Amino acid sequence: MNSNIHDERSLAHAILVLKYRKGNIAAQKEIFEFYIRNRKFIRSWDGVDDSAPYIVGPYLLNRSKTLLYQLARSPRLWDRRIAMVATWWFIRQGETRDALQIARLLLKDEEDLIHKASGWMLREVGKRDLRALERFLKKHHGGMPRTTFRYAIERFSERKRQAYLAGKC
């Protein structure tokens, strides 16, 4: 994970994900803790996206999410992205609450890679619970980064997307 070569870091993340999937409960705990301890070596968006939803997400699904909220408040870009993208696992299990709450925490983030991750997860929320996404958009669309907003409404019909863009929803 600490290699200066991108492909080597990607391979390390893939190995961790594979070992997590095949591991028993004790092995999964060990891999999760290793991942969190060594997250300082994650320094690219794909490093987060290829690992956080498959290690952090499943590990925390039925556990306290306190760590995610701490990561969402971190000054480190990659920690915040881990917090947001890890919720993809929850969303796919039908749990959207944490994704929406973390997206709300990140509304004022200045990093484009956080805007994209938040919009992506909001779009995923919409696939599972369109009404929850629409409630979130109704409440927050005025203060959302444009990129987040556009990603979130990407799957809407053209008519509905244009209405949202015009502020008529």
N, C-alpha and C. Protein backbone atom coordinates (compact mmCIF):
# COMPACT_ATOMS: atom_id res chain seq x y z
N MET A 1 0.83 -1.21 0.00
CA MET A 1 0.00 0.00 0.00
C MET A 1 0.86 1.25 0.00
N ASN A 2 2.08 1.15 0.49
CA ASN A 2 2.89 2.36 0.59
C ASN A 2 3.83 2.54 -0.60
N SER A 3 3.65 1.77 -1.63
CA SER A 3 4.49 1.89 -2.83
C SER A 3 4.26 3.24 -3.51
N ASN A 4 5.28 3.72 -4.17
CA ASN A 4 5.15 4.94 -4.97
C ASN A 4 4.58 4.64 -6.35
N ILE A 5 4.43 3.36 -6.65
CA ILE A 5 3.91 2.95 -7.96
C ILE A 5 2.42 2.66 -7.83
N HIS A 6 1.64 3.39 -8.62
CA HIS A 6 0.18 3.31 -8.56
C HIS A 6 -0.32 1.88 -8.73
N ASP A 7 0.20 1.17 -9.72
CA ASP A 7 -0.28 -0.19 -9.98
C ASP A 7 0.00 -1.13 -8.81
N GLU A 8 1.10 -0.94 -8.12
CA GLU A 8 1.39 -1.76 -6.95
C GLU A 8 0.41 -1.47 -5.82
N ARG A 9 0.07 -0.20 -5.64
CA ARG A 9 -0.93 0.15 -4.62
C ARG A 9 -2.28 -0.46 -5.00
N SER A 10 -2.64 -0.38 -6.27
CA SER A 10 -3.92 -0.96 -6.73
C SER A 10 -3.95 -2.46 -6.49
N LEU A 11 -2.85 -3.12 -6.75
CA LEU A 11 -2.77 -4.56 -6.51
C LEU A 11 -2.92 -4.87 -5.02
N ALA A 12 -2.29 -4.06 -4.17
CA ALA A 12 -2.43 -4.26 -2.72
C ALA A 12 -3.88 -4.13 -2.30
N HIS A 13 -4.59 -3.14 -2.84
CA HIS A 13 -6.01 -2.97 -2.49
C HIS A 13 -6.82 -4.17 -2.97
N ALA A 14 -6.53 -4.65 -4.18
CA ALA A 14 -7.26 -5.80 -4.72
C ALA A 14 -7.02 -7.05 -3.85
N ILE A 15 -5.80 -7.22 -3.40
CA ILE A 15 -5.48 -8.37 -2.55
C ILE A 15 -6.23 -8.26 -1.22
N LEU A 16 -6.24 -7.07 -0.63
CA LEU A 16 -6.97 -6.89 0.63
C LEU A 16 -8.46 -7.19 0.46
N VAL A 17 -9.05 -6.70 -0.63
CA VAL A 17 -10.47 -6.95 -0.89
C VAL A 17 -10.72 -8.45 -1.04
N LEU A 18 -9.89 -9.13 -1.80
CA LEU A 18 -10.05 -10.57 -2.01
C LEU A 18 -9.90 -11.34 -0.69
N LYS A 19 -8.88 -10.97 0.09
CA LYS A 19 -8.67 -11.64 1.38
C LYS A 19 -9.85 -11.36 2.32
N TYR A 20 -10.38 -10.14 2.26
CA TYR A 20 -11.54 -9.81 3.11
C TYR A 20 -12.73 -10.69 2.72
N ARG A 21 -13.01 -10.78 1.44
CA ARG A 21 -14.16 -11.56 0.96
C ARG A 21 -14.06 -13.03 1.36
N LYS A 22 -12.86 -13.57 1.30
CA LYS A 22 -12.67 -15.00 1.58
C LYS A 22 -12.41 -15.29 3.05
N GLY A 23 -12.18 -14.25 3.84
CA GLY A 23 -11.81 -14.44 5.23
C GLY A 23 -12.98 -14.74 6.15
N ASN A 24 -12.66 -15.36 7.27
CA ASN A 24 -13.66 -15.55 8.31
C ASN A 24 -13.79 -14.24 9.10
N ILE A 25 -14.62 -14.24 10.13
CA ILE A 25 -14.88 -13.02 10.89
C ILE A 25 -13.60 -12.44 11.48
N ALA A 26 -12.74 -13.28 12.02
CA ALA A 26 -11.49 -12.80 12.62
C ALA A 26 -10.57 -12.20 11.56
N ALA A 27 -10.47 -12.85 10.42
CA ALA A 27 -9.62 -12.34 9.34
C ALA A 27 -10.17 -11.01 8.81
N GLN A 28 -11.49 -10.92 8.69
CA GLN A 28 -12.09 -9.68 8.21
C GLN A 28 -11.81 -8.53 9.17
N LYS A 29 -11.90 -8.80 10.45
CA LYS A 29 -11.59 -7.77 11.46
C LYS A 29 -10.14 -7.31 11.32
N GLU A 30 -9.25 -8.27 11.17
CA GLU A 30 -7.82 -7.96 11.03
C GLU A 30 -7.56 -7.12 9.77
N ILE A 31 -8.18 -7.49 8.67
CA ILE A 31 -8.00 -6.75 7.41
C ILE A 31 -8.59 -5.35 7.53
N PHE A 32 -9.77 -5.23 8.10
CA PHE A 32 -10.38 -3.92 8.31
C PHE A 32 -9.46 -3.03 9.14
N GLU A 33 -8.97 -3.55 10.26
CA GLU A 33 -8.11 -2.76 11.14
C GLU A 33 -6.80 -2.39 10.45
N PHE A 34 -6.25 -3.30 9.67
CA PHE A 34 -5.04 -3.01 8.90
C PHE A 34 -5.32 -1.89 7.90
N TYR A 35 -6.42 -2.00 7.21
CA TYR A 35 -6.81 -1.00 6.20
C TYR A 35 -6.94 0.39 6.85
N ILE A 36 -7.64 0.47 7.95
CA ILE A 36 -7.84 1.75 8.64
C ILE A 36 -6.51 2.30 9.15
N ARG A 37 -5.69 1.45 9.73
CA ARG A 37 -4.38 1.89 10.23
C ARG A 37 -3.48 2.40 9.10
N ASN A 38 -3.62 1.82 7.93
CA ASN A 38 -2.73 2.14 6.81
C ASN A 38 -3.37 3.01 5.73
N ARG A 39 -4.50 3.58 6.04
CA ARG A 39 -5.20 4.38 5.03
C ARG A 39 -4.40 5.62 4.61
N LYS A 40 -3.41 6.01 5.39
CA LYS A 40 -2.56 7.15 5.02
C LYS A 40 -1.83 6.88 3.70
N PHE A 41 -1.72 5.62 3.33
CA PHE A 41 -1.06 5.27 2.07
C PHE A 41 -2.00 5.33 0.88
N ILE A 42 -3.27 5.52 1.13
CA ILE A 42 -4.23 5.67 0.04
C ILE A 42 -4.17 7.13 -0.41
N ARG A 43 -3.84 7.33 -1.68
CA ARG A 43 -3.67 8.69 -2.16
C ARG A 43 -4.19 8.88 -3.57
N SER A 44 -5.26 8.19 -3.88
CA SER A 44 -5.92 8.39 -5.18
C SER A 44 -7.39 7.99 -5.04
N TRP A 45 -8.20 8.55 -5.92
CA TRP A 45 -9.63 8.27 -5.85
C TRP A 45 -9.91 6.79 -6.11
N ASP A 46 -9.17 6.19 -7.05
CA ASP A 46 -9.45 4.79 -7.35
C ASP A 46 -8.98 3.87 -6.22
N GLY A 47 -7.96 4.31 -5.47
CA GLY A 47 -7.55 3.54 -4.30
C GLY A 47 -8.67 3.43 -3.28
N VAL A 48 -9.41 4.51 -3.12
CA VAL A 48 -10.57 4.51 -2.23
C VAL A 48 -11.70 3.69 -2.84
N ASP A 49 -12.05 4.00 -4.08
CA ASP A 49 -13.22 3.41 -4.70
C ASP A 49 -13.11 1.90 -4.90
N ASP A 50 -11.87 1.41 -5.07
CA ASP A 50 -11.67 -0.02 -5.28
C ASP A 50 -11.59 -0.81 -3.98
N SER A 51 -11.57 -0.12 -2.83
CA SER A 51 -11.39 -0.85 -1.58
C SER A 51 -12.41 -0.50 -0.50
N ALA A 52 -12.68 0.75 -0.28
CA ALA A 52 -13.57 1.15 0.84
C ALA A 52 -14.95 0.49 0.79
N PRO A 53 -15.61 0.43 -0.38
CA PRO A 53 -16.95 -0.20 -0.36
C PRO A 53 -16.91 -1.70 -0.11
N TYR A 54 -15.74 -2.31 -0.23
CA TYR A 54 -15.64 -3.77 -0.13
C TYR A 54 -14.95 -4.24 1.15
N ILE A 55 -14.39 -3.29 1.90
CA ILE A 55 -13.77 -3.62 3.19
C ILE A 55 -14.47 -2.84 4.30
N VAL A 56 -14.43 -1.54 4.23
CA VAL A 56 -15.02 -0.69 5.27
C VAL A 56 -16.54 -0.86 5.30
N GLY A 57 -17.17 -0.83 4.13
CA GLY A 57 -18.62 -0.97 4.06
C GLY A 57 -19.14 -2.24 4.70
N PRO A 58 -18.70 -3.41 4.22
CA PRO A 58 -19.24 -4.64 4.81
C PRO A 58 -18.87 -4.82 6.29
N TYR A 59 -17.68 -4.36 6.66
CA TYR A 59 -17.29 -4.53 8.06
C TYR A 59 -18.20 -3.71 8.98
N LEU A 60 -18.53 -2.49 8.56
CA LEU A 60 -19.31 -1.61 9.43
C LEU A 60 -20.82 -1.75 9.26
N LEU A 61 -21.27 -2.54 8.31
CA LEU A 61 -22.71 -2.63 8.03
C LEU A 61 -23.54 -2.84 9.29
N ASN A 62 -23.18 -3.78 10.12
CA ASN A 62 -23.96 -4.07 11.33
C ASN A 62 -23.23 -3.66 12.60
N ARG A 63 -22.39 -2.64 12.45
CA ARG A 63 -21.62 -2.12 13.59
C ARG A 63 -21.81 -0.61 13.66
N SER A 64 -21.24 -0.03 14.69
CA SER A 64 -21.29 1.42 14.85
C SER A 64 -20.65 2.11 13.64
N LYS A 65 -21.26 3.18 13.20
CA LYS A 65 -20.75 3.95 12.06
C LYS A 65 -19.95 5.17 12.52
N THR A 66 -19.65 5.25 13.79
CA THR A 66 -18.93 6.40 14.35
C THR A 66 -17.67 6.72 13.56
N LEU A 67 -16.91 5.71 13.21
CA LEU A 67 -15.68 5.92 12.45
C LEU A 67 -15.94 6.66 11.14
N LEU A 68 -17.02 6.29 10.46
CA LEU A 68 -17.32 6.95 9.18
C LEU A 68 -17.55 8.45 9.37
N TYR A 69 -18.25 8.79 10.43
CA TYR A 69 -18.52 10.21 10.69
C TYR A 69 -17.25 10.95 11.09
N GLN A 70 -16.34 10.25 11.78
CA GLN A 70 -15.04 10.86 12.09
C GLN A 70 -14.24 11.07 10.81
N LEU A 71 -14.25 10.08 9.94
CA LEU A 71 -13.54 10.21 8.66
C LEU A 71 -14.15 11.32 7.80
N ALA A 72 -15.46 11.45 7.84
CA ALA A 72 -16.14 12.49 7.05
C ALA A 72 -15.73 13.89 7.49
N ARG A 73 -15.29 14.01 8.72
CA ARG A 73 -14.87 15.32 9.25
C ARG A 73 -13.35 15.51 9.20
N SER A 74 -12.65 14.56 8.65
CA SER A 74 -11.19 14.61 8.60
C SER A 74 -10.72 15.71 7.64
N PRO A 75 -9.58 16.31 7.93
CA PRO A 75 -9.01 17.27 6.98
C PRO A 75 -8.44 16.57 5.74
N ARG A 76 -8.27 15.27 5.82
CA ARG A 76 -7.67 14.51 4.72
C ARG A 76 -8.73 14.11 3.69
N LEU A 77 -8.53 14.54 2.47
CA LEU A 77 -9.45 14.27 1.36
C LEU A 77 -9.80 12.79 1.27
N TRP A 78 -8.81 11.92 1.33
CA TRP A 78 -9.06 10.49 1.11
C TRP A 78 -9.85 9.87 2.26
N ASP A 79 -9.70 10.38 3.47
CA ASP A 79 -10.53 9.91 4.58
C ASP A 79 -11.99 10.27 4.34
N ARG A 80 -12.23 11.50 3.89
CA ARG A 80 -13.61 11.92 3.62
C ARG A 80 -14.22 11.09 2.50
N ARG A 81 -13.42 10.79 1.48
CA ARG A 81 -13.93 9.98 0.38
C ARG A 81 -14.20 8.55 0.85
N ILE A 82 -13.34 8.00 1.70
CA ILE A 82 -13.59 6.66 2.27
C ILE A 82 -14.94 6.66 2.98
N ALA A 83 -15.19 7.68 3.79
CA ALA A 83 -16.46 7.75 4.53
C ALA A 83 -17.65 7.73 3.58
N MET A 84 -17.57 8.50 2.51
CA MET A 84 -18.71 8.59 1.59
C MET A 84 -18.85 7.32 0.76
N VAL A 85 -17.78 6.84 0.18
CA VAL A 85 -17.86 5.71 -0.74
C VAL A 85 -18.13 4.39 -0.01
N ALA A 86 -17.70 4.28 1.23
CA ALA A 86 -17.98 3.05 1.99
C ALA A 86 -19.48 2.83 2.14
N THR A 87 -20.26 3.90 2.10
CA THR A 87 -21.71 3.75 2.25
C THR A 87 -22.36 3.04 1.07
N TRP A 88 -21.63 2.89 -0.02
CA TRP A 88 -22.19 2.18 -1.18
C TRP A 88 -22.60 0.77 -0.78
N TRP A 89 -21.82 0.14 0.08
CA TRP A 89 -22.19 -1.21 0.55
C TRP A 89 -23.52 -1.17 1.29
N PHE A 90 -23.69 -0.16 2.14
CA PHE A 90 -24.94 -0.02 2.90
C PHE A 90 -26.11 0.19 1.95
N ILE A 91 -25.92 1.08 0.98
CA ILE A 91 -26.98 1.40 0.02
C ILE A 91 -27.43 0.13 -0.69
N ARG A 92 -26.48 -0.68 -1.13
CA ARG A 92 -26.82 -1.92 -1.84
C ARG A 92 -27.54 -2.92 -0.95
N GLN A 93 -27.45 -2.74 0.35
CA GLN A 93 -28.19 -3.57 1.30
C GLN A 93 -29.52 -2.91 1.68
N GLY A 94 -29.85 -1.79 1.04
CA GLY A 94 -31.10 -1.08 1.30
C GLY A 94 -31.02 -0.08 2.44
N GLU A 95 -29.82 0.18 2.96
CA GLU A 95 -29.63 1.13 4.07
C GLU A 95 -29.10 2.44 3.50
N THR A 96 -29.92 3.46 3.47
CA THR A 96 -29.52 4.73 2.85
C THR A 96 -29.26 5.85 3.84
N ARG A 97 -29.64 5.68 5.08
CA ARG A 97 -29.57 6.75 6.07
C ARG A 97 -28.16 7.33 6.23
N ASP A 98 -27.17 6.48 6.41
CA ASP A 98 -25.82 6.97 6.62
C ASP A 98 -25.27 7.67 5.38
N ALA A 99 -25.59 7.16 4.20
CA ALA A 99 -25.14 7.82 2.97
C ALA A 99 -25.70 9.23 2.90
N LEU A 100 -26.96 9.39 3.23
CA LEU A 100 -27.58 10.72 3.19
C LEU A 100 -26.99 11.64 4.25
N GLN A 101 -26.75 11.10 5.43
CA GLN A 101 -26.20 11.94 6.50
C GLN A 101 -24.76 12.36 6.21
N ILE A 102 -23.97 11.45 5.67
CA ILE A 102 -22.59 11.81 5.35
C ILE A 102 -22.56 12.76 4.16
N ALA A 103 -23.42 12.55 3.18
CA ALA A 103 -23.51 13.50 2.06
C ALA A 103 -23.86 14.90 2.57
N ARG A 104 -24.75 14.97 3.54
CA ARG A 104 -25.11 16.27 4.13
C ARG A 104 -23.90 16.90 4.81
N LEU A 105 -23.13 16.11 5.54
CA LEU A 105 -21.93 16.63 6.20
C LEU A 105 -20.92 17.18 5.19
N LEU A 106 -20.92 16.60 4.01
CA LEU A 106 -19.92 16.98 3.00
C LEU A 106 -20.41 18.02 2.00
N LEU A 107 -21.60 18.57 2.23
CA LEU A 107 -22.15 19.55 1.28
C LEU A 107 -21.25 20.78 1.08
N LYS A 108 -20.56 21.18 2.10
CA LYS A 108 -19.72 22.39 2.01
C LYS A 108 -18.26 22.06 1.68
N ASP A 109 -17.97 20.79 1.43
CA ASP A 109 -16.60 20.40 1.10
C ASP A 109 -16.15 21.12 -0.16
N GLU A 110 -14.90 21.50 -0.22
CA GLU A 110 -14.39 22.26 -1.35
C GLU A 110 -13.73 21.39 -2.42
N GLU A 111 -13.57 20.11 -2.15
CA GLU A 111 -12.87 19.23 -3.08
C GLU A 111 -13.84 18.62 -4.11
N ASP A 112 -13.47 18.74 -5.38
CA ASP A 112 -14.29 18.20 -6.46
C ASP A 112 -14.44 16.68 -6.34
N LEU A 113 -13.40 15.99 -5.88
CA LEU A 113 -13.50 14.53 -5.75
C LEU A 113 -14.49 14.12 -4.66
N ILE A 114 -14.75 15.01 -3.72
CA ILE A 114 -15.79 14.75 -2.72
C ILE A 114 -17.16 15.06 -3.32
N HIS A 115 -17.24 16.12 -4.12
CA HIS A 115 -18.51 16.44 -4.80
C HIS A 115 -18.94 15.26 -5.66
N LYS A 116 -17.98 14.70 -6.40
CA LYS A 116 -18.29 13.57 -7.28
C LYS A 116 -18.71 12.33 -6.48
N ALA A 117 -17.98 12.03 -5.41
CA ALA A 117 -18.33 10.85 -4.59
C ALA A 117 -19.70 11.02 -3.95
N SER A 118 -19.98 12.21 -3.45
CA SER A 118 -21.29 12.46 -2.81
C SER A 118 -22.41 12.35 -3.83
N GLY A 119 -22.22 12.94 -4.99
CA GLY A 119 -23.25 12.85 -6.03
C GLY A 119 -23.46 11.42 -6.48
N TRP A 120 -22.39 10.68 -6.62
CA TRP A 120 -22.47 9.26 -7.01
C TRP A 120 -23.27 8.48 -5.98
N MET A 121 -22.97 8.67 -4.67
CA MET A 121 -23.70 7.93 -3.65
C MET A 121 -25.15 8.38 -3.57
N LEU A 122 -25.41 9.66 -3.78
CA LEU A 122 -26.80 10.12 -3.81
C LEU A 122 -27.55 9.48 -4.97
N ARG A 123 -26.91 9.39 -6.12
CA ARG A 123 -27.54 8.72 -7.27
C ARG A 123 -27.84 7.27 -6.92
N GLU A 124 -26.91 6.60 -6.21
CA GLU A 124 -27.13 5.21 -5.80
C GLU A 124 -28.28 5.11 -4.81
N VAL A 125 -28.40 6.09 -3.90
CA VAL A 125 -29.54 6.14 -2.98
C VAL A 125 -30.83 6.18 -3.79
N GLY A 126 -30.85 7.01 -4.83
CA GLY A 126 -32.03 7.15 -5.67
C GLY A 126 -32.45 5.85 -6.34
N LYS A 127 -31.51 4.98 -6.64
CA LYS A 127 -31.82 3.69 -7.24
C LYS A 127 -32.58 2.79 -6.26
N ARG A 128 -32.33 2.98 -4.95
CA ARG A 128 -32.97 2.16 -3.92
C ARG A 128 -34.19 2.83 -3.29
N ASP A 129 -34.10 4.16 -3.17
CA ASP A 129 -35.15 4.90 -2.47
C ASP A 129 -35.27 6.30 -3.09
N LEU A 130 -35.97 6.37 -4.19
CA LEU A 130 -36.09 7.62 -4.93
C LEU A 130 -36.71 8.73 -4.09
N ARG A 131 -37.67 8.38 -3.27
CA ARG A 131 -38.31 9.41 -2.43
C ARG A 131 -37.33 10.01 -1.43
N ALA A 132 -36.47 9.18 -0.86
CA ALA A 132 -35.46 9.69 0.08
C ALA A 132 -34.51 10.64 -0.63
N LEU A 133 -34.10 10.29 -1.84
CA LEU A 133 -33.22 11.18 -2.61
C LEU A 133 -33.93 12.49 -2.92
N GLU A 134 -35.18 12.42 -3.33
CA GLU A 134 -35.92 13.64 -3.67
C GLU A 134 -36.13 14.52 -2.44
N ARG A 135 -36.37 13.92 -1.29
CA ARG A 135 -36.48 14.72 -0.05
C ARG A 135 -35.15 15.42 0.25
N PHE A 136 -34.07 14.70 0.08
CA PHE A 136 -32.74 15.27 0.31
C PHE A 136 -32.49 16.43 -0.66
N LEU A 137 -32.80 16.21 -1.93
CA LEU A 137 -32.57 17.26 -2.94
C LEU A 137 -33.45 18.48 -2.68
N LYS A 138 -34.68 18.24 -2.30
CA LYS A 138 -35.59 19.36 -2.03
C LYS A 138 -35.04 20.23 -0.89
N LYS A 139 -34.49 19.58 0.11
CA LYS A 139 -33.98 20.30 1.27
C LYS A 139 -32.62 20.96 1.01
N HIS A 140 -31.77 20.33 0.21
CA HIS A 140 -30.38 20.77 0.12
C HIS A 140 -29.93 21.27 -1.26
N HIS A 141 -30.77 21.16 -2.28
CA HIS A 141 -30.25 21.44 -3.62
C HIS A 141 -29.71 22.86 -3.78
N GLY A 142 -30.25 23.82 -3.07
CA GLY A 142 -29.78 25.19 -3.19
C GLY A 142 -28.35 25.39 -2.70
N GLY A 143 -27.91 24.55 -1.77
CA GLY A 143 -26.57 24.70 -1.23
C GLY A 143 -25.62 23.61 -1.67
N MET A 144 -26.03 22.81 -2.65
CA MET A 144 -25.19 21.70 -3.10
C MET A 144 -24.20 22.17 -4.15
N PRO A 145 -23.00 21.60 -4.14
CA PRO A 145 -22.10 21.85 -5.25
C PRO A 145 -22.74 21.36 -6.55
N ARG A 146 -22.53 22.09 -7.60
CA ARG A 146 -23.16 21.76 -8.89
C ARG A 146 -22.84 20.33 -9.33
N THR A 147 -21.60 19.91 -9.14
CA THR A 147 -21.20 18.56 -9.55
C THR A 147 -21.99 17.51 -8.76
N THR A 148 -22.11 17.70 -7.47
CA THR A 148 -22.87 16.75 -6.64
C THR A 148 -24.31 16.68 -7.13
N PHE A 149 -24.90 17.83 -7.36
CA PHE A 149 -26.28 17.89 -7.80
C PHE A 149 -26.47 17.19 -9.15
N ARG A 150 -25.59 17.48 -10.09
CA ARG A 150 -25.72 16.87 -11.42
C ARG A 150 -25.55 15.36 -11.37
N TYR A 151 -24.60 14.87 -10.59
CA TYR A 151 -24.42 13.43 -10.45
C TYR A 151 -25.68 12.81 -9.82
N ALA A 152 -26.23 13.47 -8.82
CA ALA A 152 -27.39 12.93 -8.09
C ALA A 152 -28.61 12.78 -8.98
N ILE A 153 -28.79 13.69 -9.93
CA ILE A 153 -30.00 13.66 -10.78
C ILE A 153 -29.76 13.02 -12.13
N GLU A 154 -28.60 12.46 -12.33
CA GLU A 154 -28.19 11.90 -13.61
C GLU A 154 -29.16 10.87 -14.17
N ARG A 155 -29.78 10.07 -13.33
CA ARG A 155 -30.68 9.00 -13.81
C ARG A 155 -32.14 9.45 -13.94
N PHE A 156 -32.42 10.69 -13.60
CA PHE A 156 -33.78 11.21 -13.74
C PHE A 156 -34.11 11.35 -15.23
N SER A 157 -35.40 11.36 -15.52
CA SER A 157 -35.80 11.61 -16.90
C SER A 157 -35.32 13.01 -17.30
N GLU A 158 -35.20 13.22 -18.58
CA GLU A 158 -34.74 14.54 -19.08
C GLU A 158 -35.65 15.65 -18.56
N ARG A 159 -36.93 15.42 -18.61
CA ARG A 159 -37.89 16.42 -18.14
C ARG A 159 -37.70 16.75 -16.65
N LYS A 160 -37.59 15.71 -15.86
CA LYS A 160 -37.42 15.90 -14.42
C LYS A 160 -36.06 16.54 -14.11
N ARG A 161 -35.04 16.13 -14.82
CA ARG A 161 -33.71 16.71 -14.62
C ARG A 161 -33.72 18.19 -14.94
N GLN A 162 -34.36 18.56 -16.03
CA GLN A 162 -34.44 19.98 -16.42
C GLN A 162 -35.24 20.79 -15.40
N ALA A 163 -36.29 20.19 -14.86
CA ALA A 163 -37.08 20.87 -13.83
C ALA A 163 -36.22 21.11 -12.58
N TYR A 164 -35.45 20.11 -12.19
CA TYR A 164 -34.55 20.29 -11.04
C TYR A 164 -33.51 21.37 -11.32
N LEU A 165 -32.93 21.34 -12.51
CA LEU A 165 -31.92 22.33 -12.87
C LEU A 165 -32.49 23.75 -12.90
N ALA A 166 -33.76 23.85 -13.25
CA ALA A 166 -34.42 25.16 -13.29
C ALA A 166 -34.94 25.58 -11.91
N GLY A 167 -34.77 24.70 -10.91
CA GLY A 167 -35.23 25.01 -9.55
C GLY A 167 -36.72 24.90 -9.37
N LYS A 168 -37.40 24.10 -10.19
CA LYS A 168 -38.86 23.99 -10.14
C LYS A 168 -39.32 22.72 -9.42
N CYS A 169 -38.45 22.10 -8.65
CA CYS A 169 -38.85 20.89 -7.91
C CYS A 169 -38.67 21.08 -6.43
